[in-house]
Amino acid sequence: MLGGLIMHWAWLLILFVLMAGSLFTMLIIVGFLFFLLGEWLFASPDYWNKRLQGNLPDDHNKILIYFISVLPEPVIKSVNIARVGDDEDCFKNEPFRVGFFRTIHNPFSFMGITSTVIRIVDIRKSSLRARPDTIWHEYAHSYHNLLDETKSDFTSRWGKMGSGVISDYARRNGLYEDVAEYVANFYLAITGYSSLFDYFWWHRLVWRVKLESCSQKLVLLKDYGFIVESDYKKFLLKHPEFKTE
């Protein structure tokens, strides 16, 4: 009888362990699926921005000009060549890339009178409507490159800003991508698109991004010409939480 009782409780214990293990596994799976869903909905503006594509011109070059026009003049002028197309050399080996910034040596530079490099931005035609942030992202790279060429201290100041990386892409690829992601999402925000700033709570919750650092980075972008004062004020009307004291 005692042996039967022991076996009974042993089976109950085994069943309890199995159920607890299954529950724990289920919680892990549900948590992971929630994280993936959150990253899709809140860590990328692509899903929400599809609703605005119908308002754009039909011609791809006109679309490019339309989106470029919101940028400050120094940022626009930092790019020497801007092209739209799917057949450029830079896309041949990278089928999933939607934009590309590169520099080539300027053979006509002389004694610092002109830039030592020619800055080129290529945008994939097939993604132009769906990803306007790509344009602003690549133009930010160009202007950032120009600041570095002119010995600006912008990069060193940005690097001292602390924990304020706004996207997973920037976390994986460093400071220059962080700057470009900030610029791209800033212009998404002020032009009526959804941006990472709309879901900043997710980044604070999951990635421990600090609001103060983000606010300081936006001010730095304004101080160095990536954005202008009027657009910065427009942004703060939509996102007052990023105001600095």
C-alpha atoms as a PDB file:
ATOM      1  CA  MET A   1       0.000   0.000   0.000  1.00  0.00           C
ATOM      2  CA  LEU A   2       2.800   2.367   0.917  1.00  0.00           C
ATOM      3  CA  GLY A   3       4.536   1.579  -2.354  1.00  0.00           C
ATOM      4  CA  GLY A   4       1.352   2.339  -4.279  1.00  0.00           C
ATOM      5  CA  LEU A   5       0.978   5.681  -2.469  1.00  0.00           C
ATOM      6  CA  ILE A   6       4.565   6.606  -3.250  1.00  0.00           C
ATOM      7  CA  MET A   7       4.043   5.746  -6.908  1.00  0.00           C
ATOM      8  CA  HIS A   8       0.841   7.801  -6.953  1.00  0.00           C
ATOM      9  CA  TRP A   9       2.578  10.912  -5.608  1.00  0.00           C
ATOM     10  CA  ALA A  10       5.574  10.292  -7.863  1.00  0.00           C
ATOM     11  CA  TRP A  11       3.339  10.353 -10.919  1.00  0.00           C
ATOM     12  CA  LEU A  12       1.640  13.515  -9.676  1.00  0.00           C
ATOM     13  CA  LEU A  13       5.049  15.123  -9.157  1.00  0.00           C
ATOM     14  CA  ILE A  14       6.186  14.114 -12.652  1.00  0.00           C
ATOM     15  CA  LEU A  15       2.942  15.443 -14.138  1.00  0.00           C
ATOM     16  CA  PHE A  16       3.350  18.719 -12.222  1.00  0.00           C
ATOM     17  CA  VAL A  17       6.938  19.142 -13.487  1.00  0.00           C
ATOM     18  CA  LEU A  18       5.876  18.450 -17.049  1.00  0.00           C
ATOM     19  CA  MET A  19       2.980  20.915 -16.819  1.00  0.00           C
ATOM     20  CA  ALA A  20       5.174  23.566 -15.215  1.00  0.00           C
ATOM     21  CA  GLY A  21       7.812  23.038 -17.885  1.00  0.00           C
ATOM     22  CA  SER A  22       5.230  23.254 -20.634  1.00  0.00           C
ATOM     23  CA  LEU A  23       3.765  26.415 -19.109  1.00  0.00           C
ATOM     24  CA  PHE A  24       7.201  27.975 -18.819  1.00  0.00           C
ATOM     25  CA  THR A  25       7.991  27.036 -22.426  1.00  0.00           C
ATOM     26  CA  MET A  26       4.656  28.433 -23.546  1.00  0.00           C
ATOM     27  CA  LEU A  27       5.328  31.709 -21.725  1.00  0.00           C
ATOM     28  CA  ILE A  28       8.727  31.970 -23.421  1.00  0.00           C
ATOM     29  CA  ILE A  29       7.190  31.329 -26.839  1.00  0.00           C
ATOM     30  CA  VAL A  30       4.374  33.849 -26.267  1.00  0.00           C
ATOM     31  CA  GLY A  31       6.856  36.421 -25.007  1.00  0.00           C
ATOM     32  CA  PHE A  32       9.090  35.943 -28.022  1.00  0.00           C
ATOM     33  CA  LEU A  33       6.135  36.239 -30.424  1.00  0.00           C
ATOM     34  CA  PHE A  34       5.055  39.425 -28.642  1.00  0.00           C
ATOM     35  CA  PHE A  35       8.566  40.810 -29.044  1.00  0.00           C
ATOM     36  CA  LEU A  36       8.588  40.013 -32.773  1.00  0.00           C
ATOM     37  CA  LEU A  37       5.156  41.581 -33.219  1.00  0.00           C
ATOM     38  CA  GLY A  38       6.285  44.650 -31.316  1.00  0.00           C
ATOM     39  CA  GLU A  39       9.419  44.997 -33.396  1.00  0.00           C
ATOM     40  CA  TRP A  40       7.295  44.781 -36.546  1.00  0.00           C
ATOM     41  CA  LEU A  41       4.618  47.230 -35.428  1.00  0.00           C
ATOM     42  CA  PHE A  42       6.560  49.616 -33.196  1.00  0.00           C
ATOM     43  CA  ALA A  43      10.229  49.408 -34.200  1.00  0.00           C
ATOM     44  CA  SER A  44       9.683  50.046 -37.913  1.00  0.00           C
ATOM     45  CA  PRO A  45       7.395  52.641 -39.522  1.00  0.00           C
ATOM     46  CA  ASP A  46       6.958  50.621 -42.723  1.00  0.00           C
ATOM     47  CA  TYR A  47       3.720  48.892 -41.718  1.00  0.00           C
ATOM     48  CA  TRP A  48       1.885  52.105 -40.883  1.00  0.00           C
ATOM     49  CA  ASN A  49       3.176  54.220 -43.761  1.00  0.00           C
ATOM     50  CA  LYS A  50       1.650  52.201 -46.586  1.00  0.00           C
ATOM     51  CA  ARG A  51      -1.561  54.229 -46.266  1.00  0.00           C
ATOM     52  CA  LEU A  52       0.142  57.392 -47.550  1.00  0.00           C
ATOM     53  CA  GLN A  53       1.633  56.018 -50.751  1.00  0.00           C
ATOM     54  CA  GLY A  54      -1.361  56.949 -52.901  1.00  0.00           C
ATOM     55  CA  ASN A  55      -0.760  60.688 -52.483  1.00  0.00           C
ATOM     56  CA  LEU A  56       2.564  60.683 -54.358  1.00  0.00           C
ATOM     57  CA  PRO A  57       3.294  61.686 -57.989  1.00  0.00           C
ATOM     58  CA  ASP A  58       3.568  58.964 -60.627  1.00  0.00           C
ATOM     59  CA  ASP A  59       7.041  59.852 -61.903  1.00  0.00           C
ATOM     60  CA  HIS A  60       9.878  58.462 -59.791  1.00  0.00           C
ATOM     61  CA  ASN A  61      12.139  61.474 -60.266  1.00  0.00           C
ATOM     62  CA  LYS A  62       9.309  63.765 -59.168  1.00  0.00           C
ATOM     63  CA  ILE A  63       8.841  61.618 -56.072  1.00  0.00           C
ATOM     64  CA  LEU A  64      12.548  61.970 -55.287  1.00  0.00           C
ATOM     65  CA  ILE A  65      12.404  65.742 -55.714  1.00  0.00           C
ATOM     66  CA  TYR A  66       9.231  65.899 -53.621  1.00  0.00           C
ATOM     67  CA  PHE A  67      10.877  64.194 -50.654  1.00  0.00           C
ATOM     68  CA  ILE A  68      14.210  65.982 -51.022  1.00  0.00           C
ATOM     69  CA  SER A  69      12.491  69.374 -50.943  1.00  0.00           C
ATOM     70  CA  VAL A  70      11.708  69.075 -47.228  1.00  0.00           C
ATOM     71  CA  LEU A  71      15.411  68.948 -46.330  1.00  0.00           C
ATOM     72  CA  PRO A  72      17.508  72.013 -45.452  1.00  0.00           C
ATOM     73  CA  GLU A  73      19.441  73.460 -48.391  1.00  0.00           C
ATOM     74  CA  PRO A  74      22.916  72.563 -47.029  1.00  0.00           C
ATOM     75  CA  VAL A  75      21.840  68.917 -46.721  1.00  0.00           C
ATOM     76  CA  ILE A  76      20.469  68.893 -50.269  1.00  0.00           C
ATOM     77  CA  LYS A  77      23.585  70.517 -51.684  1.00  0.00           C
ATOM     78  CA  SER A  78      25.874  68.033 -49.955  1.00  0.00           C
ATOM     79  CA  VAL A  79      24.790  65.433 -52.543  1.00  0.00           C
ATOM     80  CA  ASN A  80      26.422  65.878 -55.942  1.00  0.00           C
ATOM     81  CA  ILE A  81      24.589  63.059 -57.737  1.00  0.00           C
ATOM     82  CA  ALA A  82      21.202  61.524 -56.829  1.00  0.00           C
ATOM     83  CA  ARG A  83      19.840  58.639 -58.875  1.00  0.00           C
ATOM     84  CA  VAL A  84      16.741  56.449 -58.855  1.00  0.00           C
ATOM     85  CA  GLY A  85      16.935  52.973 -60.357  1.00  0.00           C
ATOM     86  CA  ASP A  86      17.131  49.246 -59.719  1.00  0.00           C
ATOM     87  CA  ASP A  87      20.049  48.530 -62.042  1.00  0.00           C
ATOM     88  CA  GLU A  88      22.829  50.561 -60.414  1.00  0.00           C
ATOM     89  CA  ASP A  89      26.001  48.605 -59.619  1.00  0.00           C
ATOM     90  CA  CYS A  90      25.555  49.139 -55.887  1.00  0.00           C
ATOM     91  CA  PHE A  91      22.363  47.043 -55.860  1.00  0.00           C
ATOM     92  CA  LYS A  92      23.532  44.090 -57.938  1.00  0.00           C
ATOM     93  CA  ASN A  93      25.128  42.208 -55.056  1.00  0.00           C
ATOM     94  CA  GLU A  94      22.691  43.458 -52.393  1.00  0.00           C
ATOM     95  CA  PRO A  95      19.148  42.589 -53.520  1.00  0.00           C
ATOM     96  CA  PHE A  96      17.529  43.691 -50.260  1.00  0.00           C
ATOM     97  CA  ARG A  97      19.204  47.086 -50.014  1.00  0.00           C
ATOM     98  CA  VAL A  98      16.911  50.044 -50.737  1.00  0.00           C
ATOM     99  CA  GLY A  99      19.395  52.924 -50.657  1.00  0.00           C
ATOM    100  CA  PHE A 100      23.092  53.542 -50.927  1.00  0.00           C
ATOM    101  CA  PHE A 101      25.473  56.404 -50.176  1.00  0.00           C
ATOM    102  CA  ARG A 102      29.043  56.421 -51.446  1.00  0.00           C
ATOM    103  CA  THR A 103      31.843  58.795 -52.290  1.00  0.00           C
ATOM    104  CA  ILE A 104      34.345  58.850 -55.122  1.00  0.00           C
ATOM    105  CA  HIS A 105      37.439  60.962 -55.511  1.00  0.00           C
ATOM    106  CA  ASN A 106      36.847  64.359 -57.098  1.00  0.00           C
ATOM    107  CA  PRO A 107      39.517  64.764 -59.820  1.00  0.00           C
ATOM    108  CA  PHE A 108      38.761  68.499 -60.013  1.00  0.00           C
ATOM    109  CA  SER A 109      39.445  69.310 -56.370  1.00  0.00           C
ATOM    110  CA  PHE A 110      42.250  71.808 -55.960  1.00  0.00           C
ATOM    111  CA  MET A 111      43.880  73.193 -52.832  1.00  0.00           C
ATOM    112  CA  GLY A 112      40.717  72.798 -50.773  1.00  0.00           C
ATOM    113  CA  ILE A 113      38.721  75.136 -53.036  1.00  0.00           C
ATOM    114  CA  THR A 114      36.311  72.324 -53.919  1.00  0.00           C
ATOM    115  CA  SER A 115      35.404  69.121 -52.113  1.00  0.00           C
ATOM    116  CA  THR A 116      37.888  66.266 -52.374  1.00  0.00           C
ATOM    117  CA  VAL A 117      35.045  63.806 -52.970  1.00  0.00           C
ATOM    118  CA  ILE A 118      31.900  63.496 -55.059  1.00  0.00           C
ATOM    119  CA  ARG A 119      28.915  62.325 -52.974  1.00  0.00           C
ATOM    120  CA  ILE A 120      26.448  59.981 -54.643  1.00  0.00           C
ATOM    121  CA  VAL A 121      23.062  58.764 -53.396  1.00  0.00           C
ATOM    122  CA  ASP A 122      21.297  55.859 -55.134  1.00  0.00           C
ATOM    123  CA  ILE A 123      17.698  54.943 -54.305  1.00  0.00           C
ATOM    124  CA  ARG A 124      16.059  51.732 -55.461  1.00  0.00           C
ATOM    125  CA  LYS A 125      13.097  52.599 -57.703  1.00  0.00           C
ATOM    126  CA  SER A 126      10.945  49.703 -56.550  1.00  0.00           C
ATOM    127  CA  SER A 127      11.045  50.908 -52.933  1.00  0.00           C
ATOM    128  CA  LEU A 128      10.816  54.666 -53.485  1.00  0.00           C
ATOM    129  CA  ARG A 129       7.120  54.971 -52.651  1.00  0.00           C
ATOM    130  CA  ALA A 130       7.195  52.646 -49.666  1.00  0.00           C
ATOM    131  CA  ARG A 131      10.382  53.977 -48.076  1.00  0.00           C
ATOM    132  CA  PRO A 132      10.691  57.784 -48.191  1.00  0.00           C
ATOM    133  CA  ASP A 133      12.840  57.520 -45.085  1.00  0.00           C
ATOM    134  CA  THR A 134      15.509  55.888 -47.261  1.00  0.00           C
ATOM    135  CA  ILE A 135      16.027  59.187 -49.098  1.00  0.00           C
ATOM    136  CA  TRP A 136      16.434  61.205 -45.918  1.00  0.00           C
ATOM    137  CA  HIS A 137      18.616  58.489 -44.417  1.00  0.00           C
ATOM    138  CA  GLU A 138      21.088  58.540 -47.335  1.00  0.00           C
ATOM    139  CA  TYR A 139      21.104  62.339 -47.565  1.00  0.00           C
ATOM    140  CA  ALA A 140      21.923  62.455 -43.861  1.00  0.00           C
ATOM    141  CA  HIS A 141      24.952  60.255 -44.571  1.00  0.00           C
ATOM    142  CA  SER A 142      26.058  62.670 -47.276  1.00  0.00           C
ATOM    143  CA  TYR A 143      25.761  65.754 -45.088  1.00  0.00           C
ATOM    144  CA  HIS A 144      27.453  63.940 -42.208  1.00  0.00           C
ATOM    145  CA  ASN A 145      30.315  63.083 -44.545  1.00  0.00           C
ATOM    146  CA  LEU A 146      30.587  66.733 -45.517  1.00  0.00           C
ATOM    147  CA  LEU A 147      30.747  67.785 -41.865  1.00  0.00           C
ATOM    148  CA  ASP A 148      33.551  65.294 -41.257  1.00  0.00           C
ATOM    149  CA  GLU A 149      35.428  66.577 -44.297  1.00  0.00           C
ATOM    150  CA  THR A 150      35.244  70.131 -42.968  1.00  0.00           C
ATOM    151  CA  LYS A 151      36.652  68.988 -39.583  1.00  0.00           C
ATOM    152  CA  SER A 152      33.409  69.546 -37.697  1.00  0.00           C
ATOM    153  CA  ASP A 153      33.186  68.259 -34.129  1.00  0.00           C
ATOM    154  CA  PHE A 154      29.646  66.971 -34.714  1.00  0.00           C
ATOM    155  CA  THR A 155      30.624  63.281 -34.728  1.00  0.00           C
ATOM    156  CA  SER A 156      32.593  63.472 -31.493  1.00  0.00           C
ATOM    157  CA  ARG A 157      29.761  65.343 -29.757  1.00  0.00           C
ATOM    158  CA  TRP A 158      27.179  62.821 -30.961  1.00  0.00           C
ATOM    159  CA  GLY A 159      29.286  59.967 -29.639  1.00  0.00           C
ATOM    160  CA  LYS A 160      29.167  61.458 -26.145  1.00  0.00           C
ATOM    161  CA  MET A 161      25.362  61.602 -26.007  1.00  0.00           C
ATOM    162  CA  GLY A 162      24.892  58.306 -24.176  1.00  0.00           C
ATOM    163  CA  SER A 163      22.118  55.726 -24.493  1.00  0.00           C
ATOM    164  CA  GLY A 164      19.859  57.182 -27.124  1.00  0.00           C
ATOM    165  CA  VAL A 165      20.160  54.827 -30.103  1.00  0.00           C
ATOM    166  CA  ILE A 166      16.764  54.916 -31.776  1.00  0.00           C
ATOM    167  CA  SER A 167      16.641  51.754 -33.890  1.00  0.00           C
ATOM    168  CA  ASP A 168      17.854  48.188 -33.914  1.00  0.00           C
ATOM    169  CA  TYR A 169      19.567  48.851 -37.258  1.00  0.00           C
ATOM    170  CA  ALA A 170      21.594  51.651 -35.662  1.00  0.00           C
ATOM    171  CA  ARG A 171      22.408  49.488 -32.637  1.00  0.00           C
ATOM    172  CA  ARG A 172      23.912  46.916 -34.977  1.00  0.00           C
ATOM    173  CA  ASN A 173      25.736  49.329 -37.283  1.00  0.00           C
ATOM    174  CA  GLY A 174      27.072  52.170 -35.179  1.00  0.00           C
ATOM    175  CA  LEU A 175      27.136  55.933 -34.818  1.00  0.00           C
ATOM    176  CA  TYR A 176      26.775  56.990 -38.468  1.00  0.00           C
ATOM    177  CA  GLU A 177      23.662  54.856 -38.903  1.00  0.00           C
ATOM    178  CA  ASP A 178      22.256  56.236 -35.664  1.00  0.00           C
ATOM    179  CA  VAL A 179      22.533  59.795 -37.031  1.00  0.00           C
ATOM    180  CA  ALA A 180      20.910  58.801 -40.324  1.00  0.00           C
ATOM    181  CA  GLU A 181      18.087  56.961 -38.524  1.00  0.00           C
ATOM    182  CA  TYR A 182      17.355  60.013 -36.382  1.00  0.00           C
ATOM    183  CA  VAL A 183      17.206  62.278 -39.413  1.00  0.00           C
ATOM    184  CA  ALA A 184      15.032  59.885 -41.425  1.00  0.00           C
ATOM    185  CA  ASN A 185      12.525  59.403 -38.608  1.00  0.00           C
ATOM    186  CA  PHE A 186      12.444  63.111 -37.830  1.00  0.00           C
ATOM    187  CA  TYR A 187      11.322  63.864 -41.384  1.00  0.00           C
ATOM    188  CA  LEU A 188       8.848  60.982 -41.324  1.00  0.00           C
ATOM    189  CA  ALA A 189       7.330  62.593 -38.241  1.00  0.00           C
ATOM    190  CA  ILE A 190       6.953  66.128 -39.627  1.00  0.00           C
ATOM    191  CA  THR A 191       5.609  65.037 -43.026  1.00  0.00           C
ATOM    192  CA  GLY A 192       2.674  63.066 -41.673  1.00  0.00           C
ATOM    193  CA  TYR A 193       4.164  59.589 -41.703  1.00  0.00           C
ATOM    194  CA  SER A 194       4.510  57.237 -38.791  1.00  0.00           C
ATOM    195  CA  SER A 195       7.976  57.236 -37.238  1.00  0.00           C
ATOM    196  CA  LEU A 196       9.918  55.501 -34.500  1.00  0.00           C
ATOM    197  CA  PHE A 197       9.200  58.521 -32.301  1.00  0.00           C
ATOM    198  CA  ASP A 198       5.513  57.509 -32.273  1.00  0.00           C
ATOM    199  CA  TYR A 199       6.461  54.268 -30.544  1.00  0.00           C
ATOM    200  CA  PHE A 200       9.252  55.550 -28.366  1.00  0.00           C
ATOM    201  CA  TRP A 201       7.667  53.830 -25.363  1.00  0.00           C
ATOM    202  CA  TRP A 202       8.572  50.499 -26.973  1.00  0.00           C
ATOM    203  CA  HIS A 203      12.240  51.471 -27.265  1.00  0.00           C
ATOM    204  CA  ARG A 204      12.309  52.657 -23.667  1.00  0.00           C
ATOM    205  CA  LEU A 205      10.663  49.429 -22.494  1.00  0.00           C
ATOM    206  CA  VAL A 206      12.622  46.896 -24.578  1.00  0.00           C
ATOM    207  CA  TRP A 207      15.923  48.608 -25.349  1.00  0.00           C
ATOM    208  CA  ARG A 208      16.242  50.987 -22.361  1.00  0.00           C
ATOM    209  CA  VAL A 209      16.614  54.029 -24.601  1.00  0.00           C
ATOM    210  CA  LYS A 210      16.840  57.251 -22.581  1.00  0.00           C
ATOM    211  CA  LEU A 211      14.476  60.106 -23.406  1.00  0.00           C
ATOM    212  CA  GLU A 212      16.994  62.744 -22.325  1.00  0.00           C
ATOM    213  CA  SER A 213      19.663  61.459 -24.713  1.00  0.00           C
ATOM    214  CA  CYS A 214      17.203  61.404 -27.617  1.00  0.00           C
ATOM    215  CA  SER A 215      16.108  64.966 -26.889  1.00  0.00           C
ATOM    216  CA  GLN A 216      19.720  66.151 -26.793  1.00  0.00           C
ATOM    217  CA  LYS A 217      20.491  64.428 -30.102  1.00  0.00           C
ATOM    218  CA  LEU A 218      17.590  66.218 -31.792  1.00  0.00           C
ATOM    219  CA  VAL A 219      18.946  69.557 -30.575  1.00  0.00           C
ATOM    220  CA  LEU A 220      22.385  68.624 -31.890  1.00  0.00           C
ATOM    221  CA  LEU A 221      20.913  67.822 -35.309  1.00  0.00           C
ATOM    222  CA  LYS A 222      19.328  71.279 -35.319  1.00  0.00           C
ATOM    223  CA  ASP A 223      22.508  73.019 -34.207  1.00  0.00           C
ATOM    224  CA  TYR A 224      24.531  71.411 -37.011  1.00  0.00           C
ATOM    225  CA  GLY A 225      22.041  71.972 -39.827  1.00  0.00           C
ATOM    226  CA  PHE A 226      20.449  68.553 -40.352  1.00  0.00           C
ATOM    227  CA  ILE A 227      17.115  70.113 -39.433  1.00  0.00           C
ATOM    228  CA  VAL A 228      15.905  73.719 -39.213  1.00  0.00           C
ATOM    229  CA  GLU A 229      14.333  75.583 -36.316  1.00  0.00           C
ATOM    230  CA  SER A 230      10.845  75.771 -37.822  1.00  0.00           C
ATOM    231  CA  ASP A 231      10.741  72.020 -38.470  1.00  0.00           C
ATOM    232  CA  TYR A 232      12.079  71.339 -34.977  1.00  0.00           C
ATOM    233  CA  LYS A 233       9.219  73.379 -33.475  1.00  0.00           C
ATOM    234  CA  LYS A 234       6.753  71.531 -35.700  1.00  0.00           C
ATOM    235  CA  PHE A 235       8.160  68.241 -34.444  1.00  0.00           C
ATOM    236  CA  LEU A 236       7.816  69.287 -30.799  1.00  0.00           C
ATOM    237  CA  LEU A 237       4.155  70.142 -31.329  1.00  0.00           C
ATOM    238  CA  LYS A 238       3.623  66.512 -32.275  1.00  0.00           C
ATOM    239  CA  HIS A 239       6.083  65.103 -29.720  1.00  0.00           C
ATOM    240  CA  PRO A 240       6.308  67.520 -26.753  1.00  0.00           C
ATOM    241  CA  GLU A 241       7.916  64.792 -24.659  1.00  0.00           C
ATOM    242  CA  PHE A 242      11.196  65.510 -26.482  1.00  0.00           C
ATOM    243  CA  LYS A 243      11.428  69.105 -25.314  1.00  0.00           C
ATOM    244  CA  THR A 244      14.614  69.970 -23.448  1.00  0.00           C
ATOM    245  CA  GLU A 245      14.635  72.114 -20.326  1.00  0.00           C
END
